[in-house]
Amino acid sequence: MMKSYRKELWFNTTSRREFLNITPEVEVCLDESGVKEGLLLVNAMHITASVFINDDERGLHHDMDVWLEKLAPEKPYNRYKHNSYEDNADAHLKRSVMGREVVVAVTNGKLDFGPWEQIFYGEFDGKRKKRVLVKIIGE
C-alpha cells in the first residue's frame, strides 16, 4: 500500500551564509514515514535558500562559499536592481546556482546514496527562521 509522509524542518542560522548537513534529520523523517521502497524529496521553501547533495568536507564548503561569493557578491548592494527594496539579490542568485531540491531513492528503508553523499541546507540570507519540506512516498 502506498504511503505518503510530509514534514517541515525549521532552521535558524547564526550567519548570513551557512551550509548545514541535514542528513540526520532527513533520516529521522524516513524512519517516521515507515517507507521502505520509494522516493524522498527535500526542498527549500524559501527563495534565498537551497537544498543540495555533496560531500561533508569543511574545505569543500569553504570553496563553495568563496566561489558563490565571486559569482554573486553580497556587496555593494547597489549593484543589483532587486536591492532597491531588499539587500538579498545575491542570495537569490546563489540559490539559483545551488538548486531548490533533491530527490533520493529509498531502498530497504535507507537513503540510497553513493559514497560520501549527504544532504545539505544552504542558507544565503540567514539569521532568521526558514523551513525545508520533506516529502516521502512509497511502500
N, C-alpha and C. Protein backbone atom coordinates (compact mmCIF):
# COMPACT_ATOMS: atom_id res chain seq x y z
N MET A 1 0.83 -1.18 0.00
CA MET A 1 0.00 0.00 0.00
C MET A 1 0.88 1.26 0.00
N MET A 2 0.56 2.20 -0.87
CA MET A 2 1.34 3.44 -1.00
C MET A 2 1.18 4.31 0.25
N LYS A 3 2.32 4.79 0.77
CA LYS A 3 2.31 5.70 1.92
C LYS A 3 2.76 7.07 1.46
N SER A 4 2.32 8.08 2.18
CA SER A 4 2.74 9.46 1.92
C SER A 4 3.06 10.12 3.25
N TYR A 5 4.16 10.85 3.30
CA TYR A 5 4.62 11.49 4.53
C TYR A 5 5.07 12.91 4.20
N ARG A 6 4.76 13.85 5.09
CA ARG A 6 5.18 15.25 4.91
C ARG A 6 5.59 15.83 6.25
N LYS A 7 6.71 16.52 6.27
CA LYS A 7 7.16 17.19 7.48
C LYS A 7 7.99 18.41 7.10
N GLU A 8 7.85 19.47 7.88
CA GLU A 8 8.68 20.67 7.70
C GLU A 8 9.76 20.69 8.76
N LEU A 9 10.98 20.92 8.33
CA LEU A 9 12.12 21.10 9.23
C LEU A 9 12.46 22.58 9.24
N TRP A 10 12.69 23.14 10.43
CA TRP A 10 12.96 24.57 10.56
C TRP A 10 14.41 24.80 10.98
N PHE A 11 15.01 25.83 10.38
CA PHE A 11 16.40 26.17 10.69
C PHE A 11 16.51 27.67 10.89
N ASN A 12 17.39 28.06 11.79
CA ASN A 12 17.67 29.48 12.04
C ASN A 12 19.19 29.62 12.15
N THR A 13 19.83 30.02 11.07
CA THR A 13 21.29 30.09 11.06
C THR A 13 21.77 31.33 11.80
N THR A 14 23.00 31.25 12.28
CA THR A 14 23.59 32.36 13.03
C THR A 14 24.35 33.33 12.13
N SER A 15 24.57 32.94 10.88
CA SER A 15 25.26 33.83 9.94
C SER A 15 24.45 33.94 8.65
N ARG A 16 24.82 34.89 7.82
CA ARG A 16 24.08 35.14 6.58
C ARG A 16 24.17 33.96 5.62
N ARG A 17 25.37 33.38 5.52
CA ARG A 17 25.59 32.24 4.63
C ARG A 17 26.11 31.06 5.46
N GLU A 18 25.48 29.91 5.25
CA GLU A 18 25.86 28.74 6.03
C GLU A 18 25.41 27.48 5.31
N PHE A 19 26.18 26.40 5.48
CA PHE A 19 25.80 25.09 4.97
C PHE A 19 25.59 24.16 6.16
N LEU A 20 24.41 23.54 6.25
CA LEU A 20 24.10 22.62 7.34
C LEU A 20 23.85 21.23 6.79
N ASN A 21 24.51 20.24 7.36
CA ASN A 21 24.25 18.85 6.99
C ASN A 21 22.96 18.44 7.68
N ILE A 22 21.90 18.23 6.89
CA ILE A 22 20.60 17.88 7.45
C ILE A 22 20.26 16.40 7.25
N THR A 23 21.25 15.61 6.84
CA THR A 23 21.02 14.19 6.60
C THR A 23 20.43 13.49 7.83
N PRO A 24 20.96 13.71 9.04
CA PRO A 24 20.37 13.03 10.21
C PRO A 24 18.89 13.35 10.41
N GLU A 25 18.49 14.61 10.23
CA GLU A 25 17.09 14.99 10.38
C GLU A 25 16.22 14.33 9.31
N VAL A 26 16.75 14.23 8.08
CA VAL A 26 16.01 13.59 6.99
C VAL A 26 15.88 12.09 7.26
N GLU A 27 16.91 11.46 7.80
CA GLU A 27 16.84 10.04 8.13
C GLU A 27 15.79 9.77 9.21
N VAL A 28 15.64 10.68 10.16
CA VAL A 28 14.58 10.55 11.17
C VAL A 28 13.21 10.59 10.48
N CYS A 29 13.06 11.50 9.53
CA CYS A 29 11.80 11.58 8.77
C CYS A 29 11.52 10.26 8.05
N LEU A 30 12.55 9.71 7.43
CA LEU A 30 12.39 8.45 6.71
C LEU A 30 11.95 7.34 7.66
N ASP A 31 12.57 7.26 8.83
CA ASP A 31 12.16 6.27 9.83
C ASP A 31 10.71 6.48 10.24
N GLU A 32 10.32 7.74 10.48
CA GLU A 32 8.95 8.05 10.89
C GLU A 32 7.94 7.67 9.81
N SER A 33 8.34 7.79 8.54
CA SER A 33 7.42 7.54 7.43
C SER A 33 7.04 6.07 7.29
N GLY A 34 7.95 5.20 7.70
CA GLY A 34 7.71 3.76 7.52
C GLY A 34 7.92 3.28 6.09
N VAL A 35 8.33 4.18 5.19
CA VAL A 35 8.54 3.81 3.78
C VAL A 35 9.84 3.01 3.67
N LYS A 36 9.75 1.86 2.98
CA LYS A 36 10.92 1.00 2.76
C LYS A 36 11.44 1.08 1.33
N GLU A 37 10.52 1.35 0.39
CA GLU A 37 10.87 1.48 -1.03
C GLU A 37 10.11 2.67 -1.59
N GLY A 38 10.82 3.65 -2.13
CA GLY A 38 10.13 4.81 -2.67
C GLY A 38 11.08 5.94 -2.99
N LEU A 39 10.55 7.15 -2.89
CA LEU A 39 11.32 8.36 -3.20
C LEU A 39 11.14 9.37 -2.09
N LEU A 40 12.20 10.10 -1.83
CA LEU A 40 12.21 11.13 -0.81
C LEU A 40 12.62 12.44 -1.46
N LEU A 41 11.81 13.46 -1.26
CA LEU A 41 12.08 14.81 -1.77
C LEU A 41 12.39 15.71 -0.59
N VAL A 42 13.43 16.53 -0.74
CA VAL A 42 13.73 17.57 0.25
C VAL A 42 13.89 18.87 -0.52
N ASN A 43 13.08 19.88 -0.17
CA ASN A 43 13.21 21.15 -0.88
C ASN A 43 13.14 22.34 0.07
N ALA A 44 13.91 23.35 -0.27
CA ALA A 44 13.89 24.61 0.47
C ALA A 44 12.60 25.34 0.13
N MET A 45 11.95 25.90 1.14
CA MET A 45 10.69 26.60 0.93
C MET A 45 10.88 28.11 0.97
N HIS A 46 12.11 28.54 0.73
CA HIS A 46 12.45 29.97 0.69
C HIS A 46 13.36 30.20 -0.51
N ILE A 47 13.17 31.31 -1.19
CA ILE A 47 13.88 31.54 -2.46
C ILE A 47 15.29 32.10 -2.27
N THR A 48 15.75 32.15 -1.03
CA THR A 48 17.14 32.55 -0.77
C THR A 48 17.87 31.43 -0.02
N ALA A 49 17.38 30.20 -0.16
CA ALA A 49 18.00 29.03 0.45
C ALA A 49 17.98 27.88 -0.55
N SER A 50 18.78 26.87 -0.27
CA SER A 50 18.96 25.76 -1.21
C SER A 50 19.02 24.44 -0.46
N VAL A 51 18.71 23.37 -1.16
CA VAL A 51 18.99 22.02 -0.69
C VAL A 51 19.78 21.33 -1.79
N PHE A 52 20.88 20.69 -1.40
CA PHE A 52 21.75 20.04 -2.39
C PHE A 52 22.45 18.85 -1.76
N ILE A 53 23.03 18.01 -2.61
CA ILE A 53 23.79 16.85 -2.15
C ILE A 53 25.25 17.05 -2.51
N ASN A 54 26.11 16.80 -1.52
CA ASN A 54 27.55 16.84 -1.77
C ASN A 54 28.26 16.18 -0.60
N ASP A 55 29.57 16.34 -0.57
CA ASP A 55 30.43 15.77 0.46
C ASP A 55 30.43 16.67 1.70
N ASP A 56 30.45 16.07 2.87
CA ASP A 56 30.52 16.84 4.12
C ASP A 56 31.99 17.05 4.48
N GLU A 57 32.60 17.98 3.77
CA GLU A 57 34.03 18.26 3.97
C GLU A 57 34.20 19.77 4.09
N ARG A 58 34.76 20.21 5.21
CA ARG A 58 34.86 21.63 5.55
C ARG A 58 35.57 22.45 4.48
N GLY A 59 36.65 21.93 3.92
CA GLY A 59 37.38 22.66 2.88
C GLY A 59 36.52 22.88 1.64
N LEU A 60 35.75 21.86 1.26
CA LEU A 60 34.86 21.97 0.11
C LEU A 60 33.79 23.03 0.37
N HIS A 61 33.24 23.06 1.57
CA HIS A 61 32.22 24.05 1.90
C HIS A 61 32.79 25.46 1.85
N HIS A 62 34.01 25.62 2.32
CA HIS A 62 34.68 26.92 2.21
C HIS A 62 34.84 27.30 0.75
N ASP A 63 35.29 26.35 -0.07
CA ASP A 63 35.48 26.62 -1.50
C ASP A 63 34.17 26.99 -2.18
N MET A 64 33.08 26.30 -1.82
CA MET A 64 31.76 26.63 -2.39
C MET A 64 31.37 28.05 -2.03
N ASP A 65 31.56 28.41 -0.77
CA ASP A 65 31.18 29.74 -0.30
C ASP A 65 31.98 30.82 -1.04
N VAL A 66 33.28 30.61 -1.18
CA VAL A 66 34.13 31.58 -1.88
C VAL A 66 33.71 31.68 -3.35
N TRP A 67 33.46 30.54 -3.98
CA TRP A 67 33.07 30.51 -5.39
C TRP A 67 31.73 31.23 -5.60
N LEU A 68 30.75 30.93 -4.73
CA LEU A 68 29.45 31.58 -4.85
C LEU A 68 29.56 33.09 -4.62
N GLU A 69 30.40 33.49 -3.69
CA GLU A 69 30.56 34.92 -3.41
C GLU A 69 31.23 35.63 -4.58
N LYS A 70 32.10 34.93 -5.31
CA LYS A 70 32.70 35.52 -6.53
C LYS A 70 31.65 35.64 -7.64
N LEU A 71 30.79 34.62 -7.76
CA LEU A 71 29.75 34.64 -8.79
C LEU A 71 28.73 35.75 -8.53
N ALA A 72 28.32 35.90 -7.27
CA ALA A 72 27.27 36.86 -6.90
C ALA A 72 27.65 37.50 -5.56
N PRO A 73 28.52 38.50 -5.59
CA PRO A 73 28.96 39.13 -4.34
C PRO A 73 27.80 39.80 -3.61
N GLU A 74 27.82 39.69 -2.29
CA GLU A 74 26.77 40.32 -1.49
C GLU A 74 26.80 41.84 -1.67
N LYS A 75 27.99 42.44 -1.65
CA LYS A 75 28.13 43.89 -1.71
C LYS A 75 28.97 44.29 -2.92
N PRO A 76 28.83 45.48 -3.44
CA PRO A 76 27.93 46.53 -2.95
C PRO A 76 26.48 46.22 -3.32
N TYR A 77 25.59 46.52 -2.40
CA TYR A 77 24.17 46.22 -2.59
C TYR A 77 23.59 46.91 -3.81
N ASN A 78 24.10 48.08 -4.14
CA ASN A 78 23.52 48.85 -5.26
C ASN A 78 23.89 48.29 -6.63
N ARG A 79 24.65 47.23 -6.70
CA ARG A 79 24.97 46.61 -7.98
C ARG A 79 23.77 45.85 -8.56
N TYR A 80 22.76 45.58 -7.72
CA TYR A 80 21.61 44.78 -8.14
C TYR A 80 20.33 45.63 -8.13
N LYS A 81 19.56 45.56 -9.20
CA LYS A 81 18.27 46.28 -9.26
C LYS A 81 17.30 45.78 -8.20
N HIS A 82 17.32 44.49 -7.91
CA HIS A 82 16.43 43.91 -6.89
C HIS A 82 16.60 44.61 -5.54
N ASN A 83 17.79 45.07 -5.28
CA ASN A 83 18.10 45.63 -3.96
C ASN A 83 17.55 47.04 -3.73
N SER A 84 16.71 47.52 -4.61
CA SER A 84 16.06 48.79 -4.30
C SER A 84 15.02 48.60 -3.20
N TYR A 85 14.58 47.35 -2.99
CA TYR A 85 13.61 47.04 -1.94
C TYR A 85 14.24 46.20 -0.82
N GLU A 86 15.21 45.39 -1.16
CA GLU A 86 15.84 44.48 -0.21
C GLU A 86 17.35 44.53 -0.41
N ASP A 87 18.08 43.72 0.36
CA ASP A 87 19.53 43.66 0.20
C ASP A 87 20.00 42.22 -0.03
N ASN A 88 19.14 41.41 -0.69
CA ASN A 88 19.47 39.99 -0.80
C ASN A 88 19.47 39.44 -2.23
N ALA A 89 19.68 40.29 -3.22
CA ALA A 89 19.70 39.81 -4.61
C ALA A 89 20.74 38.72 -4.78
N ASP A 90 21.90 38.88 -4.15
CA ASP A 90 22.95 37.87 -4.26
C ASP A 90 22.47 36.51 -3.77
N ALA A 91 21.64 36.50 -2.71
CA ALA A 91 21.14 35.24 -2.16
C ALA A 91 20.22 34.53 -3.15
N HIS A 92 19.41 35.28 -3.87
CA HIS A 92 18.54 34.71 -4.90
C HIS A 92 19.38 34.06 -6.00
N LEU A 93 20.44 34.74 -6.41
CA LEU A 93 21.30 34.20 -7.46
C LEU A 93 22.05 32.95 -7.00
N LYS A 94 22.55 32.98 -5.78
CA LYS A 94 23.26 31.81 -5.24
C LYS A 94 22.34 30.60 -5.17
N ARG A 95 21.09 30.83 -4.76
CA ARG A 95 20.12 29.73 -4.71
C ARG A 95 19.89 29.15 -6.10
N SER A 96 19.83 30.03 -7.12
CA SER A 96 19.62 29.56 -8.49
C SER A 96 20.73 28.61 -8.92
N VAL A 97 21.94 28.88 -8.49
CA VAL A 97 23.09 28.03 -8.84
C VAL A 97 23.06 26.72 -8.06
N MET A 98 22.74 26.78 -6.78
CA MET A 98 22.84 25.61 -5.91
C MET A 98 21.60 24.72 -5.95
N GLY A 99 20.48 25.24 -6.43
CA GLY A 99 19.30 24.39 -6.61
C GLY A 99 18.31 24.46 -5.48
N ARG A 100 17.10 24.06 -5.79
CA ARG A 100 15.98 24.12 -4.87
C ARG A 100 15.80 22.85 -4.07
N GLU A 101 16.00 21.67 -4.70
CA GLU A 101 15.64 20.42 -4.06
C GLU A 101 16.52 19.27 -4.47
N VAL A 102 16.37 18.17 -3.72
CA VAL A 102 16.99 16.90 -4.09
C VAL A 102 15.93 15.82 -3.98
N VAL A 103 16.09 14.79 -4.77
CA VAL A 103 15.27 13.58 -4.69
C VAL A 103 16.23 12.42 -4.49
N VAL A 104 15.93 11.59 -3.49
CA VAL A 104 16.79 10.46 -3.16
C VAL A 104 15.94 9.19 -3.18
N ALA A 105 16.47 8.16 -3.80
CA ALA A 105 15.79 6.86 -3.78
C ALA A 105 15.86 6.28 -2.37
N VAL A 106 14.78 5.59 -1.99
CA VAL A 106 14.72 4.88 -0.72
C VAL A 106 14.72 3.39 -1.05
N THR A 107 15.68 2.67 -0.51
CA THR A 107 15.81 1.24 -0.74
C THR A 107 16.03 0.54 0.60
N ASN A 108 15.22 -0.46 0.87
CA ASN A 108 15.31 -1.19 2.15
C ASN A 108 15.26 -0.24 3.35
N GLY A 109 14.46 0.82 3.25
CA GLY A 109 14.26 1.75 4.36
C GLY A 109 15.41 2.71 4.60
N LYS A 110 16.36 2.78 3.65
CA LYS A 110 17.53 3.66 3.81
C LYS A 110 17.66 4.59 2.60
N LEU A 111 18.31 5.74 2.81
CA LEU A 111 18.65 6.63 1.70
C LEU A 111 19.65 5.90 0.82
N ASP A 112 19.37 5.79 -0.47
CA ASP A 112 20.21 5.03 -1.40
C ASP A 112 21.26 5.97 -1.99
N PHE A 113 22.28 6.27 -1.18
CA PHE A 113 23.33 7.23 -1.52
C PHE A 113 24.53 6.55 -2.17
N GLY A 114 25.27 7.33 -2.96
CA GLY A 114 26.60 6.95 -3.38
C GLY A 114 27.58 7.30 -2.27
N PRO A 115 28.85 6.92 -2.45
CA PRO A 115 29.85 7.21 -1.42
C PRO A 115 29.93 8.71 -1.13
N TRP A 116 29.97 9.06 0.13
CA TRP A 116 30.18 10.43 0.62
C TRP A 116 28.99 11.36 0.44
N GLU A 117 27.90 10.91 -0.20
CA GLU A 117 26.76 11.80 -0.41
C GLU A 117 26.04 12.10 0.90
N GLN A 118 25.73 13.38 1.09
CA GLN A 118 24.98 13.87 2.24
C GLN A 118 24.06 14.98 1.74
N ILE A 119 22.98 15.23 2.48
CA ILE A 119 22.02 16.28 2.11
C ILE A 119 22.33 17.53 2.93
N PHE A 120 22.38 18.66 2.24
CA PHE A 120 22.71 19.93 2.89
C PHE A 120 21.63 20.98 2.67
N TYR A 121 21.45 21.79 3.69
CA TYR A 121 20.66 23.02 3.58
C TYR A 121 21.66 24.14 3.40
N GLY A 122 21.52 24.89 2.32
CA GLY A 122 22.38 26.04 2.06
C GLY A 122 21.61 27.32 2.31
N GLU A 123 22.10 28.12 3.23
CA GLU A 123 21.46 29.39 3.58
C GLU A 123 22.29 30.53 3.01
N PHE A 124 21.63 31.45 2.31
CA PHE A 124 22.33 32.57 1.68
C PHE A 124 21.84 33.93 2.15
N ASP A 125 20.80 33.96 2.98
CA ASP A 125 20.27 35.21 3.55
C ASP A 125 19.70 34.89 4.92
N GLY A 126 20.57 34.47 5.82
CA GLY A 126 20.16 33.87 7.07
C GLY A 126 19.90 34.82 8.22
N LYS A 127 20.04 34.26 9.40
CA LYS A 127 19.77 34.92 10.68
C LYS A 127 18.27 35.08 10.92
N ARG A 128 17.50 34.20 10.31
CA ARG A 128 16.05 34.16 10.58
C ARG A 128 15.55 32.75 10.32
N LYS A 129 14.36 32.47 10.83
CA LYS A 129 13.80 31.13 10.76
C LYS A 129 13.31 30.82 9.35
N LYS A 130 13.76 29.69 8.82
CA LYS A 130 13.32 29.24 7.50
C LYS A 130 13.07 27.73 7.54
N ARG A 131 12.33 27.25 6.53
CA ARG A 131 11.93 25.85 6.55
C ARG A 131 12.29 25.10 5.28
N VAL A 132 12.34 23.79 5.47
CA VAL A 132 12.60 22.82 4.42
C VAL A 132 11.47 21.80 4.47
N LEU A 133 10.98 21.40 3.31
CA LEU A 133 9.95 20.38 3.23
C LEU A 133 10.56 19.02 2.94
N VAL A 134 10.13 18.02 3.69
CA VAL A 134 10.50 16.63 3.41
C VAL A 134 9.20 15.92 3.02
N LYS A 135 9.19 15.36 1.81
CA LYS A 135 8.02 14.61 1.32
C LYS A 135 8.52 13.23 0.89
N ILE A 136 7.87 12.20 1.41
CA ILE A 136 8.29 10.83 1.12
C ILE A 136 7.08 10.06 0.62
N ILE A 137 7.24 9.34 -0.49
CA ILE A 137 6.17 8.49 -0.99
C ILE A 137 6.76 7.11 -1.30
N GLY A 138 5.97 6.10 -1.08
CA GLY A 138 6.42 4.74 -1.37
C GLY A 138 5.66 3.72 -0.55
N GLU A 139 6.26 2.55 -0.47
CA GLU A 139 5.61 1.43 0.23
C GLU A 139 6.48 0.97 1.39
